[in-house]
Amino acid sequence: MTLAESVDFLNQNAGALSTVFAGIVMFATVVYAVLTASLVKETRQMREVQTEPRIEITACPSPEFVSIITLRVRNIGLGPAYDVCFKLRGEAETEGENELIQDFSKSQFLERGLRYLGPGQELRSRYTQMTQNYEGKIKARLVVDASYRSTAGKSYSHAIPIYFEEFEGYGTVGTPPLHAIAKAMEKMEKNLDQLATGYRRLRVDTYSQMDRSKEAEVWEQYRQEASTRSSTRDS
């Protein structure tokens, strides 16, 4: 096709080509608008995450005595939680579940709630002794209903299950490092206190000037005897 024919074709189909180009521009505009809306939504979600609280509730055995278990409440979100309320209930309302609820509820913050729980802040409840009614407690399934609100006033509500059968057969070996360090520091403090008060004395071997003089005399005597023996052999 020559240049003249191409120009003539464009002139004859100018309306159709304008419509096609307009459609392409419209499609690109729609895609751009959709992408912009998606970006705005993601930005809003990121901003909410940076100010959103998130409460986690777990059952934690004691490092020293695994039969002692407490509930740990922790805010793992990046924002503070306000007006925090807790409600403990058992799935089957068995005797073991009721005993656990009674033990944990002796902590006032679980019974009355919290006005404020900062980011990273955690609290521990009163303990329960698993050796008492072990069969009933190890099969217990508790649910903690937690409700709170964020700084922006958004309300949150979660039902957090806690199954104690997961701790069946749980145990530890050796002394926890922090506990061992604490005992060693306590023993060191006791020894230093006894030295400072004179209850004990340091066992120190002293080396006085008299000892140095005596050692010098012995060495001089040995040197003279050696010299005498050497002279005798030469003669």
C-alpha atoms as a PDB file:
ATOM      1  CA  MET A   1       0.000   0.000   0.000  1.00  0.00           C
ATOM      2  CA  THR A   2       1.398   3.377  -1.046  1.00  0.00           C
ATOM      3  CA  LEU A   3       1.512   6.444   1.151  1.00  0.00           C
ATOM      4  CA  ALA A   4      -1.350   8.020  -0.727  1.00  0.00           C
ATOM      5  CA  GLU A   5      -3.488   4.939  -0.283  1.00  0.00           C
ATOM      6  CA  SER A   6      -2.686   4.854   3.458  1.00  0.00           C
ATOM      7  CA  VAL A   7      -3.690   8.480   3.894  1.00  0.00           C
ATOM      8  CA  ASP A   8      -6.868   7.894   1.936  1.00  0.00           C
ATOM      9  CA  PHE A   9      -7.688   4.852   4.124  1.00  0.00           C
ATOM     10  CA  LEU A  10      -7.198   6.861   7.299  1.00  0.00           C
ATOM     11  CA  ASN A  11      -9.393   9.665   6.028  1.00  0.00           C
ATOM     12  CA  GLN A  12     -12.148   7.253   5.091  1.00  0.00           C
ATOM     13  CA  ASN A  13     -12.043   5.423   8.490  1.00  0.00           C
ATOM     14  CA  ALA A  14     -11.252   8.353  10.754  1.00  0.00           C
ATOM     15  CA  GLY A  15     -14.477   7.960  12.736  1.00  0.00           C
ATOM     16  CA  ALA A  16     -13.967   4.248  13.408  1.00  0.00           C
ATOM     17  CA  LEU A  17     -10.353   4.735  14.430  1.00  0.00           C
ATOM     18  CA  SER A  18     -11.303   7.561  16.779  1.00  0.00           C
ATOM     19  CA  THR A  19     -13.856   5.280  18.408  1.00  0.00           C
ATOM     20  CA  VAL A  20     -11.265   2.498  18.854  1.00  0.00           C
ATOM     21  CA  PHE A  21      -8.700   4.883  20.363  1.00  0.00           C
ATOM     22  CA  ALA A  22     -11.356   6.341  22.664  1.00  0.00           C
ATOM     23  CA  GLY A  23     -12.227   2.833  23.831  1.00  0.00           C
ATOM     24  CA  ILE A  24      -8.565   2.034  24.557  1.00  0.00           C
ATOM     25  CA  VAL A  25      -8.173   5.254  26.551  1.00  0.00           C
ATOM     26  CA  MET A  26     -11.365   4.512  28.474  1.00  0.00           C
ATOM     27  CA  PHE A  27     -10.184   0.978  29.296  1.00  0.00           C
ATOM     28  CA  ALA A  28      -6.807   2.274  30.481  1.00  0.00           C
ATOM     29  CA  THR A  29      -8.579   4.877  32.625  1.00  0.00           C
ATOM     30  CA  VAL A  30     -10.773   2.210  34.236  1.00  0.00           C
ATOM     31  CA  VAL A  31      -7.741  -0.004  34.957  1.00  0.00           C
ATOM     32  CA  TYR A  32      -5.881   2.954  36.465  1.00  0.00           C
ATOM     33  CA  ALA A  33      -8.889   3.817  38.641  1.00  0.00           C
ATOM     34  CA  VAL A  34      -9.162   0.209  39.864  1.00  0.00           C
ATOM     35  CA  LEU A  35      -5.447   0.081  40.702  1.00  0.00           C
ATOM     36  CA  THR A  36      -5.671   3.423  42.525  1.00  0.00           C
ATOM     37  CA  ALA A  37      -8.647   2.229  44.565  1.00  0.00           C
ATOM     38  CA  SER A  38      -6.789  -0.982  45.451  1.00  0.00           C
ATOM     39  CA  LEU A  39      -3.729   1.013  46.535  1.00  0.00           C
ATOM     40  CA  VAL A  40      -5.860   3.313  48.679  1.00  0.00           C
ATOM     41  CA  LYS A  41      -7.499   0.273  50.316  1.00  0.00           C
ATOM     42  CA  GLU A  42      -4.128  -1.344  51.082  1.00  0.00           C
ATOM     43  CA  THR A  43      -2.820   1.940  52.511  1.00  0.00           C
ATOM     44  CA  ARG A  44      -5.870   2.193  54.769  1.00  0.00           C
ATOM     45  CA  GLN A  45      -5.407  -1.398  55.924  1.00  0.00           C
ATOM     46  CA  MET A  46      -1.728  -0.799  56.702  1.00  0.00           C
ATOM     47  CA  ARG A  47      -2.630   2.291  58.709  1.00  0.00           C
ATOM     48  CA  GLU A  48      -5.223   0.289  60.647  1.00  0.00           C
ATOM     49  CA  VAL A  49      -2.710  -2.491  61.338  1.00  0.00           C
ATOM     50  CA  GLN A  50      -0.258   0.042  62.784  1.00  0.00           C
ATOM     51  CA  THR A  51      -2.876   1.164  65.316  1.00  0.00           C
ATOM     52  CA  GLU A  52      -4.756  -2.116  65.733  1.00  0.00           C
ATOM     53  CA  PRO A  53      -4.596  -4.081  69.017  1.00  0.00           C
ATOM     54  CA  ARG A  54      -4.636  -7.865  69.064  1.00  0.00           C
ATOM     55  CA  ILE A  55      -5.078  -9.775  72.303  1.00  0.00           C
ATOM     56  CA  GLU A  56      -3.613 -13.247  72.653  1.00  0.00           C
ATOM     57  CA  ILE A  57      -4.507 -15.602  75.518  1.00  0.00           C
ATOM     58  CA  THR A  58      -2.514 -18.777  76.125  1.00  0.00           C
ATOM     59  CA  ALA A  59      -2.032 -21.293  78.934  1.00  0.00           C
ATOM     60  CA  CYS A  60       1.610 -21.358  80.107  1.00  0.00           C
ATOM     61  CA  PRO A  61       3.207 -23.970  82.402  1.00  0.00           C
ATOM     62  CA  SER A  62       5.711 -22.661  84.934  1.00  0.00           C
ATOM     63  CA  PRO A  63       9.366 -23.182  83.889  1.00  0.00           C
ATOM     64  CA  GLU A  64      10.232 -24.456  87.383  1.00  0.00           C
ATOM     65  CA  PHE A  65       7.133 -26.588  88.049  1.00  0.00           C
ATOM     66  CA  VAL A  66       5.308 -27.847  84.957  1.00  0.00           C
ATOM     67  CA  SER A  67       2.275 -28.818  87.037  1.00  0.00           C
ATOM     68  CA  ILE A  68       1.557 -25.134  87.710  1.00  0.00           C
ATOM     69  CA  ILE A  69      -0.236 -23.407  84.815  1.00  0.00           C
ATOM     70  CA  THR A  70      -1.282 -19.783  84.420  1.00  0.00           C
ATOM     71  CA  LEU A  71      -3.138 -17.875  81.729  1.00  0.00           C
ATOM     72  CA  ARG A  72      -1.033 -15.310  79.895  1.00  0.00           C
ATOM     73  CA  VAL A  73      -2.835 -12.337  78.380  1.00  0.00           C
ATOM     74  CA  ARG A  74      -0.726 -10.358  75.910  1.00  0.00           C
ATOM     75  CA  ASN A  75      -1.356  -7.578  73.408  1.00  0.00           C
ATOM     76  CA  ILE A  76       0.577  -8.681  70.310  1.00  0.00           C
ATOM     77  CA  GLY A  77      -0.802  -5.834  68.180  1.00  0.00           C
ATOM     78  CA  LEU A  78       0.869  -2.504  67.443  1.00  0.00           C
ATOM     79  CA  GLY A  79      -1.848  -0.394  69.056  1.00  0.00           C
ATOM     80  CA  PRO A  80      -3.244  -0.177  72.596  1.00  0.00           C
ATOM     81  CA  ALA A  81      -6.451  -1.931  73.624  1.00  0.00           C
ATOM     82  CA  TYR A  82      -9.090  -0.113  75.671  1.00  0.00           C
ATOM     83  CA  ASP A  83     -11.995  -1.372  77.791  1.00  0.00           C
ATOM     84  CA  VAL A  84     -10.835  -4.990  77.683  1.00  0.00           C
ATOM     85  CA  CYS A  85     -13.339  -7.537  78.985  1.00  0.00           C
ATOM     86  CA  PHE A  86     -12.938 -11.283  79.503  1.00  0.00           C
ATOM     87  CA  LYS A  87     -15.433 -14.059  80.012  1.00  0.00           C
ATOM     88  CA  LEU A  88     -14.282 -17.602  80.800  1.00  0.00           C
ATOM     89  CA  ARG A  89     -16.512 -20.542  80.014  1.00  0.00           C
ATOM     90  CA  GLY A  90     -16.172 -24.276  79.537  1.00  0.00           C
ATOM     91  CA  GLU A  91     -17.316 -26.093  76.426  1.00  0.00           C
ATOM     92  CA  ALA A  92     -18.842 -28.956  78.408  1.00  0.00           C
ATOM     93  CA  GLU A  93     -19.023 -27.286  81.857  1.00  0.00           C
ATOM     94  CA  THR A  94     -17.330 -30.233  83.531  1.00  0.00           C
ATOM     95  CA  GLU A  95     -15.979 -30.256  87.076  1.00  0.00           C
ATOM     96  CA  GLY A  96     -12.416 -29.817  85.818  1.00  0.00           C
ATOM     97  CA  GLU A  97     -13.395 -26.835  83.663  1.00  0.00           C
ATOM     98  CA  ASN A  98     -15.226 -25.211  86.551  1.00  0.00           C
ATOM     99  CA  GLU A  99     -12.190 -25.640  88.825  1.00  0.00           C
ATOM    100  CA  LEU A 100      -9.922 -24.029  86.230  1.00  0.00           C
ATOM    101  CA  ILE A 101     -12.312 -21.115  85.781  1.00  0.00           C
ATOM    102  CA  GLN A 102     -12.519 -20.662  89.549  1.00  0.00           C
ATOM    103  CA  ASP A 103      -8.707 -20.636  89.906  1.00  0.00           C
ATOM    104  CA  PHE A 104      -8.060 -18.243  87.016  1.00  0.00           C
ATOM    105  CA  SER A 105     -10.924 -15.917  87.919  1.00  0.00           C
ATOM    106  CA  LYS A 106      -9.252 -15.076  91.224  1.00  0.00           C
ATOM    107  CA  SER A 107      -7.182 -12.626  89.181  1.00  0.00           C
ATOM    108  CA  GLN A 108      -9.066  -9.337  89.244  1.00  0.00           C
ATOM    109  CA  PHE A 109      -8.184  -8.336  85.681  1.00  0.00           C
ATOM    110  CA  LEU A 110      -9.888 -11.469  84.329  1.00  0.00           C
ATOM    111  CA  GLU A 111     -12.916 -10.913  86.540  1.00  0.00           C
ATOM    112  CA  ARG A 112     -13.318  -7.138  86.114  1.00  0.00           C
ATOM    113  CA  GLY A 113     -11.443  -6.457  82.879  1.00  0.00           C
ATOM    114  CA  LEU A 114      -8.819  -3.864  81.991  1.00  0.00           C
ATOM    115  CA  ARG A 115      -9.121  -0.221  81.039  1.00  0.00           C
ATOM    116  CA  TYR A 116      -5.894  -0.274  79.053  1.00  0.00           C
ATOM    117  CA  LEU A 117      -3.472  -2.860  77.670  1.00  0.00           C
ATOM    118  CA  GLY A 118      -0.504  -1.406  75.834  1.00  0.00           C
ATOM    119  CA  PRO A 119       1.342  -2.911  72.846  1.00  0.00           C
ATOM    120  CA  GLY A 120       3.553  -5.782  74.005  1.00  0.00           C
ATOM    121  CA  GLN A 121       2.164  -5.622  77.547  1.00  0.00           C
ATOM    122  CA  GLU A 122       1.294  -8.932  79.177  1.00  0.00           C
ATOM    123  CA  LEU A 123      -0.318 -10.096  82.401  1.00  0.00           C
ATOM    124  CA  ARG A 124      -0.474 -13.491  84.054  1.00  0.00           C
ATOM    125  CA  SER A 125      -3.378 -14.899  85.981  1.00  0.00           C
ATOM    126  CA  ARG A 126      -3.356 -16.771  89.236  1.00  0.00           C
ATOM    127  CA  TYR A 127      -2.061 -20.317  88.846  1.00  0.00           C
ATOM    128  CA  THR A 128      -3.851 -23.646  88.928  1.00  0.00           C
ATOM    129  CA  GLN A 129      -2.282 -26.831  90.294  1.00  0.00           C
ATOM    130  CA  MET A 130      -2.673 -29.632  87.726  1.00  0.00           C
ATOM    131  CA  THR A 131      -1.799 -32.334  90.259  1.00  0.00           C
ATOM    132  CA  GLN A 132      -5.174 -31.687  91.889  1.00  0.00           C
ATOM    133  CA  ASN A 133      -7.959 -33.373  89.884  1.00  0.00           C
ATOM    134  CA  TYR A 134      -5.550 -34.031  87.021  1.00  0.00           C
ATOM    135  CA  GLU A 135      -7.916 -36.274  85.070  1.00  0.00           C
ATOM    136  CA  GLY A 136     -10.619 -33.626  85.077  1.00  0.00           C
ATOM    137  CA  LYS A 137      -8.377 -30.673  84.286  1.00  0.00           C
ATOM    138  CA  ILE A 138      -6.328 -32.292  81.513  1.00  0.00           C
ATOM    139  CA  LYS A 139      -9.519 -32.950  79.541  1.00  0.00           C
ATOM    140  CA  ALA A 140     -10.867 -29.431  80.072  1.00  0.00           C
ATOM    141  CA  ARG A 141     -11.617 -27.183  77.115  1.00  0.00           C
ATOM    142  CA  LEU A 142     -11.990 -23.543  78.018  1.00  0.00           C
ATOM    143  CA  VAL A 143     -13.086 -20.657  75.828  1.00  0.00           C
ATOM    144  CA  VAL A 144     -12.159 -17.065  76.662  1.00  0.00           C
ATOM    145  CA  ASP A 145     -14.412 -14.434  75.094  1.00  0.00           C
ATOM    146  CA  ALA A 146     -12.335 -11.268  74.783  1.00  0.00           C
ATOM    147  CA  SER A 147     -13.740  -7.908  73.691  1.00  0.00           C
ATOM    148  CA  TYR A 148     -11.954  -4.555  73.415  1.00  0.00           C
ATOM    149  CA  ARG A 149     -11.643  -1.479  71.235  1.00  0.00           C
ATOM    150  CA  SER A 150      -8.847   0.380  69.482  1.00  0.00           C
ATOM    151  CA  THR A 151      -7.760   4.009  69.636  1.00  0.00           C
ATOM    152  CA  ALA A 152      -9.985   4.748  66.641  1.00  0.00           C
ATOM    153  CA  GLY A 153     -12.989   3.323  68.486  1.00  0.00           C
ATOM    154  CA  LYS A 154     -13.228   0.123  66.434  1.00  0.00           C
ATOM    155  CA  SER A 155     -14.585  -2.800  68.454  1.00  0.00           C
ATOM    156  CA  TYR A 156     -13.095  -6.295  68.428  1.00  0.00           C
ATOM    157  CA  SER A 157     -14.410  -9.565  69.782  1.00  0.00           C
ATOM    158  CA  HIS A 158     -12.710 -12.976  69.787  1.00  0.00           C
ATOM    159  CA  ALA A 159     -13.519 -16.411  71.179  1.00  0.00           C
ATOM    160  CA  ILE A 160     -10.149 -17.929  72.092  1.00  0.00           C
ATOM    161  CA  PRO A 161     -10.106 -21.701  72.779  1.00  0.00           C
ATOM    162  CA  ILE A 162      -7.676 -23.201  75.307  1.00  0.00           C
ATOM    163  CA  TYR A 163      -7.389 -26.997  75.303  1.00  0.00           C
ATOM    164  CA  PHE A 164      -5.466 -28.446  78.244  1.00  0.00           C
ATOM    165  CA  GLU A 165      -5.154 -31.885  76.657  1.00  0.00           C
ATOM    166  CA  GLU A 166      -2.279 -30.401  74.634  1.00  0.00           C
ATOM    167  CA  PHE A 167      -0.181 -30.396  77.834  1.00  0.00           C
ATOM    168  CA  GLU A 168      -0.549 -34.130  78.458  1.00  0.00           C
ATOM    169  CA  GLY A 169       2.942 -35.634  78.675  1.00  0.00           C
ATOM    170  CA  TYR A 170       4.586 -32.217  78.770  1.00  0.00           C
ATOM    171  CA  GLY A 171       7.825 -31.982  80.747  1.00  0.00           C
ATOM    172  CA  THR A 172      11.190 -30.258  81.003  1.00  0.00           C
ATOM    173  CA  VAL A 173      14.761 -31.426  81.579  1.00  0.00           C
ATOM    174  CA  GLY A 174      17.236 -29.636  83.828  1.00  0.00           C
ATOM    175  CA  THR A 175      17.011 -26.300  85.590  1.00  0.00           C
ATOM    176  CA  PRO A 176      15.772 -23.290  83.588  1.00  0.00           C
ATOM    177  CA  PRO A 177      18.727 -20.973  82.754  1.00  0.00           C
ATOM    178  CA  LEU A 178      17.223 -17.887  84.386  1.00  0.00           C
ATOM    179  CA  HIS A 179      16.423 -19.835  87.537  1.00  0.00           C
ATOM    180  CA  ALA A 180      19.979 -21.236  87.688  1.00  0.00           C
ATOM    181  CA  ILE A 181      21.476 -17.758  87.214  1.00  0.00           C
ATOM    182  CA  ALA A 182      19.281 -16.370  89.985  1.00  0.00           C
ATOM    183  CA  LYS A 183      20.380 -19.109  92.397  1.00  0.00           C
ATOM    184  CA  ALA A 184      24.051 -18.559  91.535  1.00  0.00           C
ATOM    185  CA  MET A 185      23.717 -14.800  92.076  1.00  0.00           C
ATOM    186  CA  GLU A 186      21.974 -15.395  95.404  1.00  0.00           C
ATOM    187  CA  LYS A 187      24.808 -17.689  96.548  1.00  0.00           C
ATOM    188  CA  MET A 188      27.422 -15.145  95.444  1.00  0.00           C
ATOM    189  CA  GLU A 189      25.627 -12.362  97.307  1.00  0.00           C
ATOM    190  CA  LYS A 190      25.505 -14.494 100.467  1.00  0.00           C
ATOM    191  CA  ASN A 191      29.255 -15.225 100.306  1.00  0.00           C
ATOM    192  CA  LEU A 192      30.127 -11.550  99.779  1.00  0.00           C
ATOM    193  CA  ASP A 193      27.911 -10.546 102.685  1.00  0.00           C
ATOM    194  CA  GLN A 194      29.644 -13.049 104.973  1.00  0.00           C
ATOM    195  CA  LEU A 195      33.061 -11.711 103.956  1.00  0.00           C
ATOM    196  CA  ALA A 196      31.989  -8.104 104.474  1.00  0.00           C
ATOM    197  CA  THR A 197      30.557  -8.767 107.940  1.00  0.00           C
ATOM    198  CA  GLY A 198      33.574 -10.835 109.044  1.00  0.00           C
ATOM    199  CA  TYR A 199      31.571 -14.046 109.404  1.00  0.00           C
ATOM    200  CA  ARG A 200      34.106 -15.664 107.095  1.00  0.00           C
ATOM    201  CA  ARG A 201      37.708 -14.856 106.294  1.00  0.00           C
ATOM    202  CA  LEU A 202      39.581 -15.217 103.060  1.00  0.00           C
ATOM    203  CA  ARG A 203      42.158 -17.982 102.984  1.00  0.00           C
ATOM    204  CA  VAL A 204      45.184 -16.089 101.686  1.00  0.00           C
ATOM    205  CA  ASP A 205      48.811 -17.270 101.650  1.00  0.00           C
ATOM    206  CA  THR A 206      50.962 -14.161 102.300  1.00  0.00           C
ATOM    207  CA  TYR A 207      54.628 -13.723 101.240  1.00  0.00           C
ATOM    208  CA  SER A 208      56.351 -11.258 103.628  1.00  0.00           C
ATOM    209  CA  GLN A 209      59.741  -9.495 103.596  1.00  0.00           C
ATOM    210  CA  MET A 210      61.011 -11.986 106.167  1.00  0.00           C
ATOM    211  CA  ASP A 211      60.219 -14.828 103.775  1.00  0.00           C
ATOM    212  CA  ARG A 212      62.130 -13.049 100.991  1.00  0.00           C
ATOM    213  CA  SER A 213      65.193 -12.511 103.258  1.00  0.00           C
ATOM    214  CA  LYS A 214      65.212 -16.133 104.361  1.00  0.00           C
ATOM    215  CA  GLU A 215      64.941 -17.300 100.761  1.00  0.00           C
ATOM    216  CA  ALA A 216      67.896 -15.024  99.824  1.00  0.00           C
ATOM    217  CA  GLU A 217      70.029 -16.473 102.641  1.00  0.00           C
ATOM    218  CA  VAL A 218      69.240 -20.034 101.573  1.00  0.00           C
ATOM    219  CA  TRP A 219      70.089 -19.216  97.978  1.00  0.00           C
ATOM    220  CA  GLU A 220      73.407 -17.529  98.973  1.00  0.00           C
ATOM    221  CA  GLN A 221      74.354 -20.507 101.110  1.00  0.00           C
ATOM    222  CA  TYR A 222      73.576 -22.879  98.248  1.00  0.00           C
ATOM    223  CA  ARG A 223      75.669 -20.757  95.866  1.00  0.00           C
ATOM    224  CA  GLN A 224      78.660 -20.731  98.233  1.00  0.00           C
ATOM    225  CA  GLU A 225      78.497 -24.513  98.726  1.00  0.00           C
ATOM    226  CA  ALA A 226      78.331 -25.031  94.993  1.00  0.00           C
ATOM    227  CA  SER A 227      81.316 -22.769  94.500  1.00  0.00           C
ATOM    228  CA  THR A 228      83.297 -24.665  97.176  1.00  0.00           C
ATOM    229  CA  ARG A 229      82.552 -28.029  95.529  1.00  0.00           C
ATOM    230  CA  SER A 230      83.637 -26.699  92.181  1.00  0.00           C
ATOM    231  CA  SER A 231      86.947 -25.440  93.602  1.00  0.00           C
ATOM    232  CA  THR A 232      87.610 -28.779  95.252  1.00  0.00           C
ATOM    233  CA  ARG A 233      87.143 -30.675  91.976  1.00  0.00           C
ATOM    234  CA  ASP A 234      89.478 -28.300  90.127  1.00  0.00           C
ATOM    235  CA  SER A 235      92.258 -28.791  92.679  1.00  0.00           C
END
